[in-house]
Amino acid sequence: MRIVIASRILNEEDIVEAFVRHNASFAAHMLFLDNGSTDRTLAILRALRDEGLPLSVFQARAVGFDEARVNSWLYETADGLHHPDWVAFLDVDEFIVAGEGGLGGALAATVAGAATVPLVHYFDTVDDDPAEPVVPRRMRWRARQTPPVPKVIVRGGFGARCAVAPGNHGASVDGVALPQIGLPGAALAHYPRRSGWHDLQKCGIGWLKVLAAGAAALQNRYSEHYQVPFERLRDAPASLIGDPAYLAQPVDPARMVFDPIDYRGGELRHTVPSDPAMRALAAALHHAEALARAHGRLLDESAEARGLVARWNAEREFLF
């Protein structure tokens, strides 16, 4: 069973090595599309490739948001280059959990064109050991309830006919949605928030990407979960940064279960300790700079755009 993992990635230096080492035990190849990482993400991926781990990296320095098109490109590229039986779409904070037969065993019994696995969310808490660099070893408390947002795994061979939905929650071929069969015994352990600072970094950059993509991205509402934290950070930053329970959540047995996964990746060689607050600040400034440079390039290359911005700048409104 030949499984290829396809992932978009941006500034994931704290988790990418563990992600590769663990998930490589389930996959024949891992294909990444980097969206312009400015931390050590690419250096770590290069070092892992040089070790012999089966991965390849493409890059598109996108400051906006066009997830469906990117996801479909990932499928087409993985299918064309690696001829997989299945393409699994994983974010870099998702770790495959499977039974004794592994992911391949579960997929071998599937006759549908697509399969799904549930996301199981893990929380960062004050119980975490900050000296443990392997995220799935450090973050051991998961949600009691599994949210109804499964991720899709698509059979290979569809090529450019396949379109993958935003969030990797579904797929279609020739415009017809693929029926999805759940995989018993398989799940994705999801580590979306490794600290409050990491959450602020994701929400800040995520919402800026949506705004930069224009009205269509706003109307689709694919990433509206970034909006409220972004606006709180913008308008009342002390309500987040000044709240110890936000920066490191207390353990809450009413909604959490102690259930660490069986991490299969071994020790890390290329991940170094870093301050999540400093990482968040650096990532936000790098992205703001990229947005500003893209805006300037647009004005330099389009007289029409420059004229439109000049008209906007000339507008005046009486206030009081």
Protein backbone atom coordinates (compact mmCIF):
# COMPACT_ATOMS: atom_id res chain seq x y z
CA MET A 1 0.00 0.00 0.00
CA ARG A 2 1.67 3.21 -1.21
CA ILE A 3 0.53 6.25 0.79
CA VAL A 4 1.76 9.78 0.08
CA ILE A 5 1.23 12.54 2.64
CA ALA A 6 0.61 16.03 1.22
CA SER A 7 0.98 19.08 3.48
CA ARG A 8 1.05 22.85 3.35
CA ILE A 9 3.51 24.35 5.82
CA LEU A 10 4.43 27.75 7.23
CA ASN A 11 6.74 28.43 10.19
CA GLU A 12 6.48 25.08 12.00
CA GLU A 13 10.03 24.70 13.33
CA ASP A 14 8.85 23.46 16.73
CA ILE A 15 6.86 20.47 15.40
CA VAL A 16 7.92 19.66 11.81
CA GLU A 17 10.71 17.23 12.71
CA ALA A 18 8.47 15.19 15.01
CA PHE A 19 5.74 15.29 12.34
CA VAL A 20 8.06 13.87 9.68
CA ARG A 21 9.68 11.23 11.87
CA HIS A 22 6.37 9.93 13.22
CA ASN A 23 4.27 10.00 10.04
CA ALA A 24 7.04 8.61 7.83
CA SER A 25 6.32 5.24 9.46
CA PHE A 26 2.95 5.27 7.65
CA ALA A 27 3.91 6.81 4.29
CA ALA A 28 6.07 6.07 1.26
CA HIS A 29 6.67 9.78 0.62
CA MET A 30 5.84 13.18 2.15
CA LEU A 31 5.28 16.19 -0.12
CA PHE A 32 5.33 19.72 1.33
CA LEU A 33 4.33 23.06 -0.10
CA ASP A 34 6.00 25.81 1.91
CA ASN A 35 4.18 29.15 1.95
CA GLY A 36 7.27 31.22 2.72
CA SER A 37 8.58 30.07 6.10
CA THR A 38 10.95 32.51 7.78
CA ASP A 39 12.01 30.34 10.74
CA ARG A 40 14.10 27.12 10.68
CA THR A 41 11.37 25.01 9.04
CA LEU A 42 13.13 24.65 5.68
CA ALA A 43 16.53 23.98 7.26
CA ILE A 44 14.99 21.16 9.31
CA LEU A 45 13.24 19.65 6.29
CA ARG A 46 16.47 19.79 4.29
CA ALA A 47 18.38 18.06 7.09
CA LEU A 48 15.72 15.33 7.31
CA ARG A 49 15.87 14.79 3.55
CA ASP A 50 19.67 14.56 3.77
CA GLU A 51 19.22 11.85 6.41
CA GLY A 52 17.31 9.86 3.79
CA LEU A 53 13.74 10.45 4.91
CA PRO A 54 11.38 10.33 1.90
CA LEU A 55 10.27 13.92 1.42
CA SER A 56 10.25 16.71 -1.13
CA VAL A 57 9.53 20.42 -0.73
CA PHE A 58 8.00 22.96 -3.10
CA GLN A 59 7.51 26.63 -2.29
CA ALA A 60 4.95 29.31 -3.12
CA ARG A 61 5.43 32.54 -1.20
CA ALA A 62 1.73 33.32 -0.94
CA VAL A 63 0.67 36.22 1.27
CA GLY A 64 -3.01 35.65 0.48
CA PHE A 65 -5.36 32.72 0.85
CA ASP A 66 -6.46 30.28 -1.87
CA GLU A 67 -6.69 26.99 -0.03
CA ALA A 68 -8.89 24.96 -2.37
CA ARG A 69 -6.64 25.64 -5.36
CA VAL A 70 -3.51 24.82 -3.37
CA ASN A 71 -4.95 21.59 -1.94
CA SER A 72 -5.96 20.43 -5.43
CA TRP A 73 -2.46 21.23 -6.74
CA LEU A 74 -1.00 19.15 -3.92
CA TYR A 75 -3.15 16.17 -4.92
CA GLU A 76 -2.32 16.47 -8.62
CA THR A 77 1.40 16.82 -7.91
CA ALA A 78 1.52 13.93 -5.44
CA ASP A 79 -0.47 11.75 -7.83
CA GLY A 80 1.62 12.62 -10.87
CA LEU A 81 5.06 12.34 -9.28
CA HIS A 82 4.64 9.46 -6.85
CA HIS A 83 1.77 7.31 -8.23
CA PRO A 84 0.25 6.59 -4.83
CA ASP A 85 -2.58 4.26 -3.95
CA TRP A 86 -3.79 7.00 -1.57
CA VAL A 87 -2.99 10.65 -0.84
CA ALA A 88 -3.46 11.71 2.79
CA PHE A 89 -3.87 15.43 3.45
CA LEU A 90 -2.32 16.38 6.78
CA ASP A 91 -1.52 19.68 8.39
CA VAL A 92 1.87 19.66 10.08
CA ASP A 93 0.24 19.60 13.52
CA GLU A 94 -1.51 16.27 12.79
CA PHE A 95 -0.07 12.86 13.72
CA ILE A 96 -1.50 9.59 12.40
CA VAL A 97 -2.79 7.17 15.04
CA ALA A 98 -3.70 3.71 13.74
CA GLY A 99 -4.23 0.21 15.05
CA GLU A 100 -2.06 -2.86 14.62
CA GLY A 101 -2.72 -3.03 10.89
CA GLY A 102 -1.61 0.58 10.45
CA LEU A 103 -3.15 3.08 8.09
CA GLY A 104 -2.39 0.92 5.05
CA GLY A 105 -4.30 -2.02 6.48
CA ALA A 106 -7.39 0.10 7.07
CA LEU A 107 -7.20 1.60 3.58
CA ALA A 108 -6.71 -1.79 1.91
CA ALA A 109 -10.24 -2.74 2.94
CA THR A 110 -11.73 0.48 1.54
CA VAL A 111 -13.48 0.38 -1.85
CA ALA A 112 -14.59 4.03 -1.94
CA GLY A 113 -12.69 6.82 -3.68
CA ALA A 114 -12.16 8.68 -0.41
CA ALA A 115 -11.84 7.84 3.28
CA THR A 116 -11.94 10.03 6.36
CA VAL A 117 -10.26 10.02 9.74
CA PRO A 118 -11.43 12.06 12.74
CA LEU A 119 -9.41 14.84 14.34
CA VAL A 120 -8.68 14.37 18.04
CA HIS A 121 -7.66 17.70 19.56
CA TYR A 122 -4.87 17.90 22.14
CA PHE A 123 -4.49 20.85 24.53
CA ASP A 124 -1.47 22.73 25.77
CA THR A 125 -1.70 22.94 29.57
CA VAL A 126 0.26 24.05 32.62
CA ASP A 127 0.98 20.31 33.07
CA ASP A 128 3.24 20.28 29.96
CA ASP A 129 6.99 19.86 30.43
CA PRO A 130 8.58 22.86 28.64
CA ALA A 131 11.88 20.96 28.39
CA GLU A 132 10.30 18.21 26.23
CA PRO A 133 10.87 19.13 22.56
CA VAL A 134 8.63 16.39 21.10
CA VAL A 135 5.18 17.96 20.98
CA PRO A 136 3.16 14.68 21.21
CA ARG A 137 5.17 13.68 24.28
CA ARG A 138 4.74 17.11 25.88
CA MET A 139 1.02 17.60 25.16
CA ARG A 140 -0.83 14.64 26.68
CA TRP A 141 -4.34 15.92 27.42
CA ARG A 142 -6.91 15.47 24.66
CA ALA A 143 -10.48 16.65 24.28
CA ARG A 144 -13.17 14.35 25.66
CA GLN A 145 -15.37 15.06 22.63
CA THR A 146 -14.28 14.50 19.03
CA PRO A 147 -15.44 17.37 16.80
CA PRO A 148 -17.30 16.46 13.58
CA VAL A 149 -14.51 17.68 11.28
CA PRO A 150 -12.86 14.62 9.69
CA LYS A 151 -9.95 14.92 7.28
CA VAL A 152 -9.97 13.26 3.87
CA ILE A 153 -7.69 10.65 2.30
CA VAL A 154 -8.17 10.35 -1.48
CA ARG A 155 -7.47 7.37 -3.71
CA GLY A 156 -4.72 7.98 -6.25
CA GLY A 157 -5.15 8.08 -10.01
CA PHE A 158 -7.62 10.95 -10.44
CA GLY A 159 -4.98 13.49 -11.52
CA ALA A 160 -6.21 16.98 -12.36
CA ARG A 161 -9.83 15.79 -12.22
CA CYS A 162 -9.70 15.85 -8.43
CA ALA A 163 -10.50 18.97 -6.38
CA VAL A 164 -9.83 19.00 -2.64
CA ALA A 165 -11.98 21.19 -0.41
CA PRO A 166 -10.64 23.85 1.95
CA GLY A 167 -9.56 22.38 5.25
CA ASN A 168 -9.01 19.01 3.54
CA HIS A 169 -12.47 17.96 4.69
CA GLY A 170 -13.72 16.54 1.37
CA ALA A 171 -12.91 15.99 -2.30
CA SER A 172 -14.64 15.77 -5.66
CA VAL A 173 -13.84 14.33 -9.09
CA ASP A 174 -15.18 16.04 -12.20
CA GLY A 175 -17.30 18.19 -9.93
CA VAL A 176 -19.00 15.27 -8.15
CA ALA A 177 -18.31 14.81 -4.44
CA LEU A 178 -16.55 11.56 -3.58
CA PRO A 179 -18.45 9.41 -1.07
CA GLN A 180 -16.43 9.15 2.12
CA ILE A 181 -15.96 6.04 4.23
CA GLY A 182 -14.66 6.34 7.79
CA LEU A 183 -11.57 4.31 8.71
CA PRO A 184 -12.16 2.33 11.90
CA GLY A 185 -9.29 2.45 14.35
CA ALA A 186 -7.56 5.41 12.70
CA ALA A 187 -7.45 9.06 13.77
CA LEU A 188 -5.32 12.19 13.59
CA ALA A 189 -3.94 13.50 16.85
CA HIS A 190 -4.18 17.26 16.37
CA TYR A 191 -1.90 19.78 18.14
CA PRO A 192 -3.24 23.09 16.76
CA ARG A 193 -2.16 25.24 19.70
CA ARG A 194 1.19 24.59 21.37
CA SER A 195 0.95 27.70 23.58
CA GLY A 196 -1.05 30.90 23.81
CA TRP A 197 1.69 32.69 21.88
CA HIS A 198 1.48 30.11 19.10
CA ASP A 199 -2.28 30.60 18.96
CA LEU A 200 -1.85 34.36 18.59
CA GLN A 201 0.70 33.82 15.81
CA LYS A 202 -1.68 31.55 13.87
CA CYS A 203 -4.73 33.76 14.32
CA GLY A 204 -2.88 36.96 13.44
CA ILE A 205 -1.29 35.66 10.25
CA GLY A 206 -4.28 33.52 9.33
CA TRP A 207 -6.74 36.40 9.41
CA LEU A 208 -4.35 38.70 7.53
CA LYS A 209 -4.13 36.04 4.79
CA VAL A 210 -7.92 35.95 4.54
CA LEU A 211 -8.19 39.75 4.34
CA ALA A 212 -5.44 39.88 1.71
CA ALA A 213 -7.38 37.43 -0.48
CA GLY A 214 -10.35 39.80 -0.84
CA ALA A 215 -14.10 39.50 -0.59
CA ALA A 216 -14.39 35.92 -1.88
CA ALA A 217 -12.32 34.52 1.01
CA LEU A 218 -14.41 36.47 3.52
CA GLN A 219 -17.67 35.24 2.00
CA ASN A 220 -16.53 31.61 2.05
CA ARG A 221 -15.98 31.87 5.83
CA TYR A 222 -13.39 29.09 5.72
CA SER A 223 -11.14 30.64 8.37
CA GLU A 224 -13.50 32.84 10.34
CA HIS A 225 -12.27 31.18 13.57
CA TYR A 226 -9.20 33.43 13.26
CA GLN A 227 -11.25 36.63 13.31
CA VAL A 228 -12.31 36.97 16.95
CA PRO A 229 -8.85 36.28 18.48
CA PHE A 230 -7.30 38.64 15.89
CA GLU A 231 -9.70 41.43 16.81
CA ARG A 232 -9.20 40.87 20.54
CA LEU A 233 -5.43 41.04 20.09
CA ARG A 234 -5.81 44.18 17.98
CA ASP A 235 -8.31 46.01 20.21
CA ALA A 236 -7.68 44.65 23.71
CA PRO A 237 -4.31 42.85 23.71
CA ALA A 238 -4.13 42.70 27.52
CA SER A 239 -7.24 40.50 27.55
CA LEU A 240 -5.12 37.76 25.95
CA ILE A 241 -1.46 38.52 26.65
CA GLY A 242 -2.21 39.47 30.25
CA ASP A 243 -4.23 36.35 30.99
CA PRO A 244 -2.09 33.49 32.39
CA ALA A 245 -4.89 30.99 31.74
CA TYR A 246 -4.85 31.94 28.05
CA LEU A 247 -1.08 31.65 27.68
CA ALA A 248 -1.06 28.24 29.45
CA GLN A 249 -4.40 26.55 30.00
CA PRO A 250 -5.22 24.85 33.32
CA VAL A 251 -5.98 21.15 33.22
CA ASP A 252 -9.75 20.69 33.10
CA PRO A 253 -10.81 17.03 33.55
CA ALA A 254 -14.37 17.97 32.65
CA ARG A 255 -13.29 18.51 29.03
CA MET A 256 -9.88 16.81 28.89
CA VAL A 257 -8.63 13.22 29.07
CA PHE A 258 -5.03 12.23 29.82
CA ASP A 259 -4.23 10.12 26.75
CA PRO A 260 -0.76 10.57 25.16
CA ILE A 261 -0.32 8.99 21.75
CA ASP A 262 2.17 6.28 20.82
CA TYR A 263 4.77 8.56 19.24
CA ARG A 264 6.79 6.55 16.69
CA GLY A 265 9.36 9.11 15.63
CA GLY A 266 12.21 8.64 18.08
CA GLU A 267 14.43 11.48 19.26
CA LEU A 268 14.85 14.80 17.49
CA ARG A 269 18.19 15.86 15.98
CA HIS A 270 17.53 19.22 14.37
CA THR A 271 14.91 20.97 16.55
CA VAL A 272 16.33 23.53 18.98
CA PRO A 273 14.57 25.22 21.93
CA SER A 274 13.12 28.65 21.19
CA ASP A 275 10.89 31.20 22.89
CA PRO A 276 7.30 30.97 21.52
CA ALA A 277 6.67 34.66 22.22
CA MET A 278 9.72 35.69 20.18
CA ARG A 279 8.75 33.25 17.41
CA ALA A 280 5.27 34.74 17.26
CA LEU A 281 6.57 38.32 17.07
CA ALA A 282 9.12 37.48 14.38
CA ALA A 283 6.59 35.55 12.29
CA ALA A 284 4.03 38.37 12.49
CA LEU A 285 6.55 41.01 11.42
CA HIS A 286 7.86 38.85 8.57
CA HIS A 287 4.31 38.37 7.28
CA ALA A 288 3.45 42.06 7.64
CA GLU A 289 6.60 42.88 5.66
CA ALA A 290 5.65 40.37 2.95
CA LEU A 291 2.17 41.92 2.68
CA ALA A 292 3.63 45.41 2.40
CA ARG A 293 6.15 44.32 -0.26
CA ALA A 294 3.39 42.56 -2.24
CA HIS A 295 1.32 45.75 -2.12
CA GLY A 296 4.27 47.81 -3.32
CA ARG A 297 5.02 45.35 -6.12
CA LEU A 298 1.38 45.51 -7.23
CA LEU A 299 1.60 49.31 -7.48
CA ASP A 300 4.90 49.13 -9.36
CA GLU A 301 3.59 46.64 -11.91
CA SER A 302 0.04 47.91 -12.42
CA ALA A 303 -0.71 51.51 -13.36
CA GLU A 304 -4.38 50.73 -12.89
CA ALA A 305 -3.81 49.60 -9.30
CA ARG A 306 -1.67 52.66 -8.56
CA GLY A 307 -4.38 54.92 -9.92
CA LEU A 308 -7.04 53.19 -7.84
CA VAL A 309 -4.99 53.53 -4.65
CA ALA A 310 -4.33 57.19 -5.46
CA ARG A 311 -8.09 57.76 -5.75
CA TRP A 312 -8.67 56.01 -2.42
CA ASN A 313 -5.99 58.15 -0.79
CA ALA A 314 -7.66 61.30 -2.11
CA GLU A 315 -11.03 60.51 -0.53
CA ARG A 316 -12.12 62.79 2.31
CA GLU A 317 -14.96 62.32 4.80
CA PHE A 318 -16.36 64.87 7.23
CA LEU A 319 -16.44 63.35 10.74
CA PHE A 320 -17.56 66.12 13.15
